[in-house]
Amino acid sequence: RVELGTADFALCPTESIISYRTKS
């Protein structure tokens, strides 16, 4: 939702952030 711009903030585990930083 943050990536799509429909949310300013998301709750997620740290690994989600790593995953978004390292995806294709």
PDBML (XML) file of the C-alpha atoms, coordinates in Angstrom:
<?xml version="1.0" encoding="UTF-8" ?>
<PDBx:datablock datablockName="MODEL"
   xmlns:PDBx="http://pdbml.pdb.org/schema/pdbx-v50.xsd"
   xmlns:xsi="http://www.w3.org/2001/XMLSchema-instance"
   xsi:schemaLocation="http://pdbml.pdb.org/schema/pdbx-v50.xsd pdbx-v50.xsd">
   <PDBx:atom_siteCategory>
      <PDBx:atom_site id="1">
         <PDBx:B_iso_or_equiv>0.00</PDBx:B_iso_or_equiv>
         <PDBx:Cartn_x>0.000</PDBx:Cartn_x>
         <PDBx:Cartn_y>0.000</PDBx:Cartn_y>
         <PDBx:Cartn_z>0.000</PDBx:Cartn_z>
         <PDBx:auth_asym_id>A</PDBx:auth_asym_id>
         <PDBx:auth_atom_id>CA</PDBx:auth_atom_id>
         <PDBx:auth_comp_id>ARG</PDBx:auth_comp_id>
         <PDBx:auth_seq_id>1</PDBx:auth_seq_id>
         <PDBx:group_PDB>ATOM</PDBx:group_PDB>
         <PDBx:label_alt_id xsi:nil="true" />
         <PDBx:label_asym_id>A</PDBx:label_asym_id>
         <PDBx:label_atom_id>CA</PDBx:label_atom_id>
         <PDBx:label_comp_id>ARG</PDBx:label_comp_id>
         <PDBx:label_entity_id>1</PDBx:label_entity_id>
         <PDBx:label_seq_id>1</PDBx:label_seq_id>
         <PDBx:occupancy>1.00</PDBx:occupancy>
         <PDBx:pdbx_PDB_model_num>1</PDBx:pdbx_PDB_model_num>
         <PDBx:type_symbol>C</PDBx:type_symbol>
      </PDBx:atom_site>
      <PDBx:atom_site id="2">
         <PDBx:B_iso_or_equiv>0.00</PDBx:B_iso_or_equiv>
         <PDBx:Cartn_x>2.918</PDBx:Cartn_x>
         <PDBx:Cartn_y>2.331</PDBx:Cartn_y>
         <PDBx:Cartn_z>0.689</PDBx:Cartn_z>
         <PDBx:auth_asym_id>A</PDBx:auth_asym_id>
         <PDBx:auth_atom_id>CA</PDBx:auth_atom_id>
         <PDBx:auth_comp_id>VAL</PDBx:auth_comp_id>
         <PDBx:auth_seq_id>2</PDBx:auth_seq_id>
         <PDBx:group_PDB>ATOM</PDBx:group_PDB>
         <PDBx:label_alt_id xsi:nil="true" />
         <PDBx:label_asym_id>A</PDBx:label_asym_id>
         <PDBx:label_atom_id>CA</PDBx:label_atom_id>
         <PDBx:label_comp_id>VAL</PDBx:label_comp_id>
         <PDBx:label_entity_id>1</PDBx:label_entity_id>
         <PDBx:label_seq_id>2</PDBx:label_seq_id>
         <PDBx:occupancy>1.00</PDBx:occupancy>
         <PDBx:pdbx_PDB_model_num>1</PDBx:pdbx_PDB_model_num>
         <PDBx:type_symbol>C</PDBx:type_symbol>
      </PDBx:atom_site>
      <PDBx:atom_site id="3">
         <PDBx:B_iso_or_equiv>0.00</PDBx:B_iso_or_equiv>
         <PDBx:Cartn_x>4.499</PDBx:Cartn_x>
         <PDBx:Cartn_y>1.402</PDBx:Cartn_y>
         <PDBx:Cartn_z>-2.646</PDBx:Cartn_z>
         <PDBx:auth_asym_id>A</PDBx:auth_asym_id>
         <PDBx:auth_atom_id>CA</PDBx:auth_atom_id>
         <PDBx:auth_comp_id>GLU</PDBx:auth_comp_id>
         <PDBx:auth_seq_id>3</PDBx:auth_seq_id>
         <PDBx:group_PDB>ATOM</PDBx:group_PDB>
         <PDBx:label_alt_id xsi:nil="true" />
         <PDBx:label_asym_id>A</PDBx:label_asym_id>
         <PDBx:label_atom_id>CA</PDBx:label_atom_id>
         <PDBx:label_comp_id>GLU</PDBx:label_comp_id>
         <PDBx:label_entity_id>1</PDBx:label_entity_id>
         <PDBx:label_seq_id>3</PDBx:label_seq_id>
         <PDBx:occupancy>1.00</PDBx:occupancy>
         <PDBx:pdbx_PDB_model_num>1</PDBx:pdbx_PDB_model_num>
         <PDBx:type_symbol>C</PDBx:type_symbol>
      </PDBx:atom_site>
      <PDBx:atom_site id="4">
         <PDBx:B_iso_or_equiv>0.00</PDBx:B_iso_or_equiv>
         <PDBx:Cartn_x>1.204</PDBx:Cartn_x>
         <PDBx:Cartn_y>2.079</PDBx:Cartn_y>
         <PDBx:Cartn_z>-4.414</PDBx:Cartn_z>
         <PDBx:auth_asym_id>A</PDBx:auth_asym_id>
         <PDBx:auth_atom_id>CA</PDBx:auth_atom_id>
         <PDBx:auth_comp_id>LEU</PDBx:auth_comp_id>
         <PDBx:auth_seq_id>4</PDBx:auth_seq_id>
         <PDBx:group_PDB>ATOM</PDBx:group_PDB>
         <PDBx:label_alt_id xsi:nil="true" />
         <PDBx:label_asym_id>A</PDBx:label_asym_id>
         <PDBx:label_atom_id>CA</PDBx:label_atom_id>
         <PDBx:label_comp_id>LEU</PDBx:label_comp_id>
         <PDBx:label_entity_id>1</PDBx:label_entity_id>
         <PDBx:label_seq_id>4</PDBx:label_seq_id>
         <PDBx:occupancy>1.00</PDBx:occupancy>
         <PDBx:pdbx_PDB_model_num>1</PDBx:pdbx_PDB_model_num>
         <PDBx:type_symbol>C</PDBx:type_symbol>
      </PDBx:atom_site>
      <PDBx:atom_site id="5">
         <PDBx:B_iso_or_equiv>0.00</PDBx:B_iso_or_equiv>
         <PDBx:Cartn_x>0.839</PDBx:Cartn_x>
         <PDBx:Cartn_y>5.415</PDBx:Cartn_y>
         <PDBx:Cartn_z>-2.641</PDBx:Cartn_z>
         <PDBx:auth_asym_id>A</PDBx:auth_asym_id>
         <PDBx:auth_atom_id>CA</PDBx:auth_atom_id>
         <PDBx:auth_comp_id>GLY</PDBx:auth_comp_id>
         <PDBx:auth_seq_id>5</PDBx:auth_seq_id>
         <PDBx:group_PDB>ATOM</PDBx:group_PDB>
         <PDBx:label_alt_id xsi:nil="true" />
         <PDBx:label_asym_id>A</PDBx:label_asym_id>
         <PDBx:label_atom_id>CA</PDBx:label_atom_id>
         <PDBx:label_comp_id>GLY</PDBx:label_comp_id>
         <PDBx:label_entity_id>1</PDBx:label_entity_id>
         <PDBx:label_seq_id>5</PDBx:label_seq_id>
         <PDBx:occupancy>1.00</PDBx:occupancy>
         <PDBx:pdbx_PDB_model_num>1</PDBx:pdbx_PDB_model_num>
         <PDBx:type_symbol>C</PDBx:type_symbol>
      </PDBx:atom_site>
      <PDBx:atom_site id="6">
         <PDBx:B_iso_or_equiv>0.00</PDBx:B_iso_or_equiv>
         <PDBx:Cartn_x>-2.435</PDBx:Cartn_x>
         <PDBx:Cartn_y>4.509</PDBx:Cartn_y>
         <PDBx:Cartn_z>-0.913</PDBx:Cartn_z>
         <PDBx:auth_asym_id>A</PDBx:auth_asym_id>
         <PDBx:auth_atom_id>CA</PDBx:auth_atom_id>
         <PDBx:auth_comp_id>THR</PDBx:auth_comp_id>
         <PDBx:auth_seq_id>6</PDBx:auth_seq_id>
         <PDBx:group_PDB>ATOM</PDBx:group_PDB>
         <PDBx:label_alt_id xsi:nil="true" />
         <PDBx:label_asym_id>A</PDBx:label_asym_id>
         <PDBx:label_atom_id>CA</PDBx:label_atom_id>
         <PDBx:label_comp_id>THR</PDBx:label_comp_id>
         <PDBx:label_entity_id>1</PDBx:label_entity_id>
         <PDBx:label_seq_id>6</PDBx:label_seq_id>
         <PDBx:occupancy>1.00</PDBx:occupancy>
         <PDBx:pdbx_PDB_model_num>1</PDBx:pdbx_PDB_model_num>
         <PDBx:type_symbol>C</PDBx:type_symbol>
      </PDBx:atom_site>
      <PDBx:atom_site id="7">
         <PDBx:B_iso_or_equiv>0.00</PDBx:B_iso_or_equiv>
         <PDBx:Cartn_x>-0.816</PDBx:Cartn_x>
         <PDBx:Cartn_y>4.565</PDBx:Cartn_y>
         <PDBx:Cartn_z>2.548</PDBx:Cartn_z>
         <PDBx:auth_asym_id>A</PDBx:auth_asym_id>
         <PDBx:auth_atom_id>CA</PDBx:auth_atom_id>
         <PDBx:auth_comp_id>ALA</PDBx:auth_comp_id>
         <PDBx:auth_seq_id>7</PDBx:auth_seq_id>
         <PDBx:group_PDB>ATOM</PDBx:group_PDB>
         <PDBx:label_alt_id xsi:nil="true" />
         <PDBx:label_asym_id>A</PDBx:label_asym_id>
         <PDBx:label_atom_id>CA</PDBx:label_atom_id>
         <PDBx:label_comp_id>ALA</PDBx:label_comp_id>
         <PDBx:label_entity_id>1</PDBx:label_entity_id>
         <PDBx:label_seq_id>7</PDBx:label_seq_id>
         <PDBx:occupancy>1.00</PDBx:occupancy>
         <PDBx:pdbx_PDB_model_num>1</PDBx:pdbx_PDB_model_num>
         <PDBx:type_symbol>C</PDBx:type_symbol>
      </PDBx:atom_site>
      <PDBx:atom_site id="8">
         <PDBx:B_iso_or_equiv>0.00</PDBx:B_iso_or_equiv>
         <PDBx:Cartn_x>1.724</PDBx:Cartn_x>
         <PDBx:Cartn_y>6.911</PDBx:Cartn_y>
         <PDBx:Cartn_z>4.110</PDBx:Cartn_z>
         <PDBx:auth_asym_id>A</PDBx:auth_asym_id>
         <PDBx:auth_atom_id>CA</PDBx:auth_atom_id>
         <PDBx:auth_comp_id>ASP</PDBx:auth_comp_id>
         <PDBx:auth_seq_id>8</PDBx:auth_seq_id>
         <PDBx:group_PDB>ATOM</PDBx:group_PDB>
         <PDBx:label_alt_id xsi:nil="true" />
         <PDBx:label_asym_id>A</PDBx:label_asym_id>
         <PDBx:label_atom_id>CA</PDBx:label_atom_id>
         <PDBx:label_comp_id>ASP</PDBx:label_comp_id>
         <PDBx:label_entity_id>1</PDBx:label_entity_id>
         <PDBx:label_seq_id>8</PDBx:label_seq_id>
         <PDBx:occupancy>1.00</PDBx:occupancy>
         <PDBx:pdbx_PDB_model_num>1</PDBx:pdbx_PDB_model_num>
         <PDBx:type_symbol>C</PDBx:type_symbol>
      </PDBx:atom_site>
      <PDBx:atom_site id="9">
         <PDBx:B_iso_or_equiv>0.00</PDBx:B_iso_or_equiv>
         <PDBx:Cartn_x>2.816</PDBx:Cartn_x>
         <PDBx:Cartn_y>4.370</PDBx:Cartn_y>
         <PDBx:Cartn_z>6.694</PDBx:Cartn_z>
         <PDBx:auth_asym_id>A</PDBx:auth_asym_id>
         <PDBx:auth_atom_id>CA</PDBx:auth_atom_id>
         <PDBx:auth_comp_id>PHE</PDBx:auth_comp_id>
         <PDBx:auth_seq_id>9</PDBx:auth_seq_id>
         <PDBx:group_PDB>ATOM</PDBx:group_PDB>
         <PDBx:label_alt_id xsi:nil="true" />
         <PDBx:label_asym_id>A</PDBx:label_asym_id>
         <PDBx:label_atom_id>CA</PDBx:label_atom_id>
         <PDBx:label_comp_id>PHE</PDBx:label_comp_id>
         <PDBx:label_entity_id>1</PDBx:label_entity_id>
         <PDBx:label_seq_id>9</PDBx:label_seq_id>
         <PDBx:occupancy>1.00</PDBx:occupancy>
         <PDBx:pdbx_PDB_model_num>1</PDBx:pdbx_PDB_model_num>
         <PDBx:type_symbol>C</PDBx:type_symbol>
      </PDBx:atom_site>
      <PDBx:atom_site id="10">
         <PDBx:B_iso_or_equiv>0.00</PDBx:B_iso_or_equiv>
         <PDBx:Cartn_x>2.743</PDBx:Cartn_x>
         <PDBx:Cartn_y>0.595</PDBx:Cartn_y>
         <PDBx:Cartn_z>6.923</PDBx:Cartn_z>
         <PDBx:auth_asym_id>A</PDBx:auth_asym_id>
         <PDBx:auth_atom_id>CA</PDBx:auth_atom_id>
         <PDBx:auth_comp_id>ALA</PDBx:auth_comp_id>
         <PDBx:auth_seq_id>10</PDBx:auth_seq_id>
         <PDBx:group_PDB>ATOM</PDBx:group_PDB>
         <PDBx:label_alt_id xsi:nil="true" />
         <PDBx:label_asym_id>A</PDBx:label_asym_id>
         <PDBx:label_atom_id>CA</PDBx:label_atom_id>
         <PDBx:label_comp_id>ALA</PDBx:label_comp_id>
         <PDBx:label_entity_id>1</PDBx:label_entity_id>
         <PDBx:label_seq_id>10</PDBx:label_seq_id>
         <PDBx:occupancy>1.00</PDBx:occupancy>
         <PDBx:pdbx_PDB_model_num>1</PDBx:pdbx_PDB_model_num>
         <PDBx:type_symbol>C</PDBx:type_symbol>
      </PDBx:atom_site>
      <PDBx:atom_site id="11">
         <PDBx:B_iso_or_equiv>0.00</PDBx:B_iso_or_equiv>
         <PDBx:Cartn_x>3.339</PDBx:Cartn_x>
         <PDBx:Cartn_y>-1.745</PDBx:Cartn_y>
         <PDBx:Cartn_z>9.817</PDBx:Cartn_z>
         <PDBx:auth_asym_id>A</PDBx:auth_asym_id>
         <PDBx:auth_atom_id>CA</PDBx:auth_atom_id>
         <PDBx:auth_comp_id>LEU</PDBx:auth_comp_id>
         <PDBx:auth_seq_id>11</PDBx:auth_seq_id>
         <PDBx:group_PDB>ATOM</PDBx:group_PDB>
         <PDBx:label_alt_id xsi:nil="true" />
         <PDBx:label_asym_id>A</PDBx:label_asym_id>
         <PDBx:label_atom_id>CA</PDBx:label_atom_id>
         <PDBx:label_comp_id>LEU</PDBx:label_comp_id>
         <PDBx:label_entity_id>1</PDBx:label_entity_id>
         <PDBx:label_seq_id>11</PDBx:label_seq_id>
         <PDBx:occupancy>1.00</PDBx:occupancy>
         <PDBx:pdbx_PDB_model_num>1</PDBx:pdbx_PDB_model_num>
         <PDBx:type_symbol>C</PDBx:type_symbol>
      </PDBx:atom_site>
      <PDBx:atom_site id="12">
         <PDBx:B_iso_or_equiv>0.00</PDBx:B_iso_or_equiv>
         <PDBx:Cartn_x>5.564</PDBx:Cartn_x>
         <PDBx:Cartn_y>-4.629</PDBx:Cartn_y>
         <PDBx:Cartn_z>8.800</PDBx:Cartn_z>
         <PDBx:auth_asym_id>A</PDBx:auth_asym_id>
         <PDBx:auth_atom_id>CA</PDBx:auth_atom_id>
         <PDBx:auth_comp_id>CYS</PDBx:auth_comp_id>
         <PDBx:auth_seq_id>12</PDBx:auth_seq_id>
         <PDBx:group_PDB>ATOM</PDBx:group_PDB>
         <PDBx:label_alt_id xsi:nil="true" />
         <PDBx:label_asym_id>A</PDBx:label_asym_id>
         <PDBx:label_atom_id>CA</PDBx:label_atom_id>
         <PDBx:label_comp_id>CYS</PDBx:label_comp_id>
         <PDBx:label_entity_id>1</PDBx:label_entity_id>
         <PDBx:label_seq_id>12</PDBx:label_seq_id>
         <PDBx:occupancy>1.00</PDBx:occupancy>
         <PDBx:pdbx_PDB_model_num>1</PDBx:pdbx_PDB_model_num>
         <PDBx:type_symbol>C</PDBx:type_symbol>
      </PDBx:atom_site>
      <PDBx:atom_site id="13">
         <PDBx:B_iso_or_equiv>0.00</PDBx:B_iso_or_equiv>
         <PDBx:Cartn_x>8.525</PDBx:Cartn_x>
         <PDBx:Cartn_y>-6.676</PDBx:Cartn_y>
         <PDBx:Cartn_z>10.046</PDBx:Cartn_z>
         <PDBx:auth_asym_id>A</PDBx:auth_asym_id>
         <PDBx:auth_atom_id>CA</PDBx:auth_atom_id>
         <PDBx:auth_comp_id>PRO</PDBx:auth_comp_id>
         <PDBx:auth_seq_id>13</PDBx:auth_seq_id>
         <PDBx:group_PDB>ATOM</PDBx:group_PDB>
         <PDBx:label_alt_id xsi:nil="true" />
         <PDBx:label_asym_id>A</PDBx:label_asym_id>
         <PDBx:label_atom_id>CA</PDBx:label_atom_id>
         <PDBx:label_comp_id>PRO</PDBx:label_comp_id>
         <PDBx:label_entity_id>1</PDBx:label_entity_id>
         <PDBx:label_seq_id>13</PDBx:label_seq_id>
         <PDBx:occupancy>1.00</PDBx:occupancy>
         <PDBx:pdbx_PDB_model_num>1</PDBx:pdbx_PDB_model_num>
         <PDBx:type_symbol>C</PDBx:type_symbol>
      </PDBx:atom_site>
      <PDBx:atom_site id="14">
         <PDBx:B_iso_or_equiv>0.00</PDBx:B_iso_or_equiv>
         <PDBx:Cartn_x>12.054</PDBx:Cartn_x>
         <PDBx:Cartn_y>-5.541</PDBx:Cartn_y>
         <PDBx:Cartn_z>9.231</PDBx:Cartn_z>
         <PDBx:auth_asym_id>A</PDBx:auth_asym_id>
         <PDBx:auth_atom_id>CA</PDBx:auth_atom_id>
         <PDBx:auth_comp_id>THR</PDBx:auth_comp_id>
         <PDBx:auth_seq_id>14</PDBx:auth_seq_id>
         <PDBx:group_PDB>ATOM</PDBx:group_PDB>
         <PDBx:label_alt_id xsi:nil="true" />
         <PDBx:label_asym_id>A</PDBx:label_asym_id>
         <PDBx:label_atom_id>CA</PDBx:label_atom_id>
         <PDBx:label_comp_id>THR</PDBx:label_comp_id>
         <PDBx:label_entity_id>1</PDBx:label_entity_id>
         <PDBx:label_seq_id>14</PDBx:label_seq_id>
         <PDBx:occupancy>1.00</PDBx:occupancy>
         <PDBx:pdbx_PDB_model_num>1</PDBx:pdbx_PDB_model_num>
         <PDBx:type_symbol>C</PDBx:type_symbol>
      </PDBx:atom_site>
      <PDBx:atom_site id="15">
         <PDBx:B_iso_or_equiv>0.00</PDBx:B_iso_or_equiv>
         <PDBx:Cartn_x>12.427</PDBx:Cartn_x>
         <PDBx:Cartn_y>-8.315</PDBx:Cartn_y>
         <PDBx:Cartn_z>6.681</PDBx:Cartn_z>
         <PDBx:auth_asym_id>A</PDBx:auth_asym_id>
         <PDBx:auth_atom_id>CA</PDBx:auth_atom_id>
         <PDBx:auth_comp_id>GLU</PDBx:auth_comp_id>
         <PDBx:auth_seq_id>15</PDBx:auth_seq_id>
         <PDBx:group_PDB>ATOM</PDBx:group_PDB>
         <PDBx:label_alt_id xsi:nil="true" />
         <PDBx:label_asym_id>A</PDBx:label_asym_id>
         <PDBx:label_atom_id>CA</PDBx:label_atom_id>
         <PDBx:label_comp_id>GLU</PDBx:label_comp_id>
         <PDBx:label_entity_id>1</PDBx:label_entity_id>
         <PDBx:label_seq_id>15</PDBx:label_seq_id>
         <PDBx:occupancy>1.00</PDBx:occupancy>
         <PDBx:pdbx_PDB_model_num>1</PDBx:pdbx_PDB_model_num>
         <PDBx:type_symbol>C</PDBx:type_symbol>
      </PDBx:atom_site>
      <PDBx:atom_site id="16">
         <PDBx:B_iso_or_equiv>0.00</PDBx:B_iso_or_equiv>
         <PDBx:Cartn_x>9.651</PDBx:Cartn_x>
         <PDBx:Cartn_y>-6.773</PDBx:Cartn_y>
         <PDBx:Cartn_z>4.563</PDBx:Cartn_z>
         <PDBx:auth_asym_id>A</PDBx:auth_asym_id>
         <PDBx:auth_atom_id>CA</PDBx:auth_atom_id>
         <PDBx:auth_comp_id>SER</PDBx:auth_comp_id>
         <PDBx:auth_seq_id>16</PDBx:auth_seq_id>
         <PDBx:group_PDB>ATOM</PDBx:group_PDB>
         <PDBx:label_alt_id xsi:nil="true" />
         <PDBx:label_asym_id>A</PDBx:label_asym_id>
         <PDBx:label_atom_id>CA</PDBx:label_atom_id>
         <PDBx:label_comp_id>SER</PDBx:label_comp_id>
         <PDBx:label_entity_id>1</PDBx:label_entity_id>
         <PDBx:label_seq_id>16</PDBx:label_seq_id>
         <PDBx:occupancy>1.00</PDBx:occupancy>
         <PDBx:pdbx_PDB_model_num>1</PDBx:pdbx_PDB_model_num>
         <PDBx:type_symbol>C</PDBx:type_symbol>
      </PDBx:atom_site>
      <PDBx:atom_site id="17">
         <PDBx:B_iso_or_equiv>0.00</PDBx:B_iso_or_equiv>
         <PDBx:Cartn_x>11.764</PDBx:Cartn_x>
         <PDBx:Cartn_y>-3.641</PDBx:Cartn_y>
         <PDBx:Cartn_z>4.232</PDBx:Cartn_z>
         <PDBx:auth_asym_id>A</PDBx:auth_asym_id>
         <PDBx:auth_atom_id>CA</PDBx:auth_atom_id>
         <PDBx:auth_comp_id>ILE</PDBx:auth_comp_id>
         <PDBx:auth_seq_id>17</PDBx:auth_seq_id>
         <PDBx:group_PDB>ATOM</PDBx:group_PDB>
         <PDBx:label_alt_id xsi:nil="true" />
         <PDBx:label_asym_id>A</PDBx:label_asym_id>
         <PDBx:label_atom_id>CA</PDBx:label_atom_id>
         <PDBx:label_comp_id>ILE</PDBx:label_comp_id>
         <PDBx:label_entity_id>1</PDBx:label_entity_id>
         <PDBx:label_seq_id>17</PDBx:label_seq_id>
         <PDBx:occupancy>1.00</PDBx:occupancy>
         <PDBx:pdbx_PDB_model_num>1</PDBx:pdbx_PDB_model_num>
         <PDBx:type_symbol>C</PDBx:type_symbol>
      </PDBx:atom_site>
      <PDBx:atom_site id="18">
         <PDBx:B_iso_or_equiv>0.00</PDBx:B_iso_or_equiv>
         <PDBx:Cartn_x>14.789</PDBx:Cartn_x>
         <PDBx:Cartn_y>-5.705</PDBx:Cartn_y>
         <PDBx:Cartn_z>3.222</PDBx:Cartn_z>
         <PDBx:auth_asym_id>A</PDBx:auth_asym_id>
         <PDBx:auth_atom_id>CA</PDBx:auth_atom_id>
         <PDBx:auth_comp_id>ILE</PDBx:auth_comp_id>
         <PDBx:auth_seq_id>18</PDBx:auth_seq_id>
         <PDBx:group_PDB>ATOM</PDBx:group_PDB>
         <PDBx:label_alt_id xsi:nil="true" />
         <PDBx:label_asym_id>A</PDBx:label_asym_id>
         <PDBx:label_atom_id>CA</PDBx:label_atom_id>
         <PDBx:label_comp_id>ILE</PDBx:label_comp_id>
         <PDBx:label_entity_id>1</PDBx:label_entity_id>
         <PDBx:label_seq_id>18</PDBx:label_seq_id>
         <PDBx:occupancy>1.00</PDBx:occupancy>
         <PDBx:pdbx_PDB_model_num>1</PDBx:pdbx_PDB_model_num>
         <PDBx:type_symbol>C</PDBx:type_symbol>
      </PDBx:atom_site>
      <PDBx:atom_site id="19">
         <PDBx:B_iso_or_equiv>0.00</PDBx:B_iso_or_equiv>
         <PDBx:Cartn_x>12.641</PDBx:Cartn_x>
         <PDBx:Cartn_y>-7.586</PDBx:Cartn_y>
         <PDBx:Cartn_z>0.728</PDBx:Cartn_z>
         <PDBx:auth_asym_id>A</PDBx:auth_asym_id>
         <PDBx:auth_atom_id>CA</PDBx:auth_atom_id>
         <PDBx:auth_comp_id>SER</PDBx:auth_comp_id>
         <PDBx:auth_seq_id>19</PDBx:auth_seq_id>
         <PDBx:group_PDB>ATOM</PDBx:group_PDB>
         <PDBx:label_alt_id xsi:nil="true" />
         <PDBx:label_asym_id>A</PDBx:label_asym_id>
         <PDBx:label_atom_id>CA</PDBx:label_atom_id>
         <PDBx:label_comp_id>SER</PDBx:label_comp_id>
         <PDBx:label_entity_id>1</PDBx:label_entity_id>
         <PDBx:label_seq_id>19</PDBx:label_seq_id>
         <PDBx:occupancy>1.00</PDBx:occupancy>
         <PDBx:pdbx_PDB_model_num>1</PDBx:pdbx_PDB_model_num>
         <PDBx:type_symbol>C</PDBx:type_symbol>
      </PDBx:atom_site>
      <PDBx:atom_site id="20">
         <PDBx:B_iso_or_equiv>0.00</PDBx:B_iso_or_equiv>
         <PDBx:Cartn_x>11.364</PDBx:Cartn_x>
         <PDBx:Cartn_y>-4.390</PDBx:Cartn_y>
         <PDBx:Cartn_z>-0.896</PDBx:Cartn_z>
         <PDBx:auth_asym_id>A</PDBx:auth_asym_id>
         <PDBx:auth_atom_id>CA</PDBx:auth_atom_id>
         <PDBx:auth_comp_id>TYR</PDBx:auth_comp_id>
         <PDBx:auth_seq_id>20</PDBx:auth_seq_id>
         <PDBx:group_PDB>ATOM</PDBx:group_PDB>
         <PDBx:label_alt_id xsi:nil="true" />
         <PDBx:label_asym_id>A</PDBx:label_asym_id>
         <PDBx:label_atom_id>CA</PDBx:label_atom_id>
         <PDBx:label_comp_id>TYR</PDBx:label_comp_id>
         <PDBx:label_entity_id>1</PDBx:label_entity_id>
         <PDBx:label_seq_id>20</PDBx:label_seq_id>
         <PDBx:occupancy>1.00</PDBx:occupancy>
         <PDBx:pdbx_PDB_model_num>1</PDBx:pdbx_PDB_model_num>
         <PDBx:type_symbol>C</PDBx:type_symbol>
      </PDBx:atom_site>
      <PDBx:atom_site id="21">
         <PDBx:B_iso_or_equiv>0.00</PDBx:B_iso_or_equiv>
         <PDBx:Cartn_x>14.888</PDBx:Cartn_x>
         <PDBx:Cartn_y>-2.994</PDBx:Cartn_y>
         <PDBx:Cartn_z>-1.079</PDBx:Cartn_z>
         <PDBx:auth_asym_id>A</PDBx:auth_asym_id>
         <PDBx:auth_atom_id>CA</PDBx:auth_atom_id>
         <PDBx:auth_comp_id>ARG</PDBx:auth_comp_id>
         <PDBx:auth_seq_id>21</PDBx:auth_seq_id>
         <PDBx:group_PDB>ATOM</PDBx:group_PDB>
         <PDBx:label_alt_id xsi:nil="true" />
         <PDBx:label_asym_id>A</PDBx:label_asym_id>
         <PDBx:label_atom_id>CA</PDBx:label_atom_id>
         <PDBx:label_comp_id>ARG</PDBx:label_comp_id>
         <PDBx:label_entity_id>1</PDBx:label_entity_id>
         <PDBx:label_seq_id>21</PDBx:label_seq_id>
         <PDBx:occupancy>1.00</PDBx:occupancy>
         <PDBx:pdbx_PDB_model_num>1</PDBx:pdbx_PDB_model_num>
         <PDBx:type_symbol>C</PDBx:type_symbol>
      </PDBx:atom_site>
      <PDBx:atom_site id="22">
         <PDBx:B_iso_or_equiv>0.00</PDBx:B_iso_or_equiv>
         <PDBx:Cartn_x>16.281</PDBx:Cartn_x>
         <PDBx:Cartn_y>-6.081</PDBx:Cartn_y>
         <PDBx:Cartn_z>-2.811</PDBx:Cartn_z>
         <PDBx:auth_asym_id>A</PDBx:auth_asym_id>
         <PDBx:auth_atom_id>CA</PDBx:auth_atom_id>
         <PDBx:auth_comp_id>THR</PDBx:auth_comp_id>
         <PDBx:auth_seq_id>22</PDBx:auth_seq_id>
         <PDBx:group_PDB>ATOM</PDBx:group_PDB>
         <PDBx:label_alt_id xsi:nil="true" />
         <PDBx:label_asym_id>A</PDBx:label_asym_id>
         <PDBx:label_atom_id>CA</PDBx:label_atom_id>
         <PDBx:label_comp_id>THR</PDBx:label_comp_id>
         <PDBx:label_entity_id>1</PDBx:label_entity_id>
         <PDBx:label_seq_id>22</PDBx:label_seq_id>
         <PDBx:occupancy>1.00</PDBx:occupancy>
         <PDBx:pdbx_PDB_model_num>1</PDBx:pdbx_PDB_model_num>
         <PDBx:type_symbol>C</PDBx:type_symbol>
      </PDBx:atom_site>
      <PDBx:atom_site id="23">
         <PDBx:B_iso_or_equiv>0.00</PDBx:B_iso_or_equiv>
         <PDBx:Cartn_x>13.494</PDBx:Cartn_x>
         <PDBx:Cartn_y>-7.186</PDBx:Cartn_y>
         <PDBx:Cartn_z>-5.157</PDBx:Cartn_z>
         <PDBx:auth_asym_id>A</PDBx:auth_asym_id>
         <PDBx:auth_atom_id>CA</PDBx:auth_atom_id>
         <PDBx:auth_comp_id>LYS</PDBx:auth_comp_id>
         <PDBx:auth_seq_id>23</PDBx:auth_seq_id>
         <PDBx:group_PDB>ATOM</PDBx:group_PDB>
         <PDBx:label_alt_id xsi:nil="true" />
         <PDBx:label_asym_id>A</PDBx:label_asym_id>
         <PDBx:label_atom_id>CA</PDBx:label_atom_id>
         <PDBx:label_comp_id>LYS</PDBx:label_comp_id>
         <PDBx:label_entity_id>1</PDBx:label_entity_id>
         <PDBx:label_seq_id>23</PDBx:label_seq_id>
         <PDBx:occupancy>1.00</PDBx:occupancy>
         <PDBx:pdbx_PDB_model_num>1</PDBx:pdbx_PDB_model_num>
         <PDBx:type_symbol>C</PDBx:type_symbol>
      </PDBx:atom_site>
      <PDBx:atom_site id="24">
         <PDBx:B_iso_or_equiv>0.00</PDBx:B_iso_or_equiv>
         <PDBx:Cartn_x>13.995</PDBx:Cartn_x>
         <PDBx:Cartn_y>-7.050</PDBx:Cartn_y>
         <PDBx:Cartn_z>-8.923</PDBx:Cartn_z>
         <PDBx:auth_asym_id>A</PDBx:auth_asym_id>
         <PDBx:auth_atom_id>CA</PDBx:auth_atom_id>
         <PDBx:auth_comp_id>SER</PDBx:auth_comp_id>
         <PDBx:auth_seq_id>24</PDBx:auth_seq_id>
         <PDBx:group_PDB>ATOM</PDBx:group_PDB>
         <PDBx:label_alt_id xsi:nil="true" />
         <PDBx:label_asym_id>A</PDBx:label_asym_id>
         <PDBx:label_atom_id>CA</PDBx:label_atom_id>
         <PDBx:label_comp_id>SER</PDBx:label_comp_id>
         <PDBx:label_entity_id>1</PDBx:label_entity_id>
         <PDBx:label_seq_id>24</PDBx:label_seq_id>
         <PDBx:occupancy>1.00</PDBx:occupancy>
         <PDBx:pdbx_PDB_model_num>1</PDBx:pdbx_PDB_model_num>
         <PDBx:type_symbol>C</PDBx:type_symbol>
      </PDBx:atom_site>
   </PDBx:atom_siteCategory>
</PDBx:datablock>
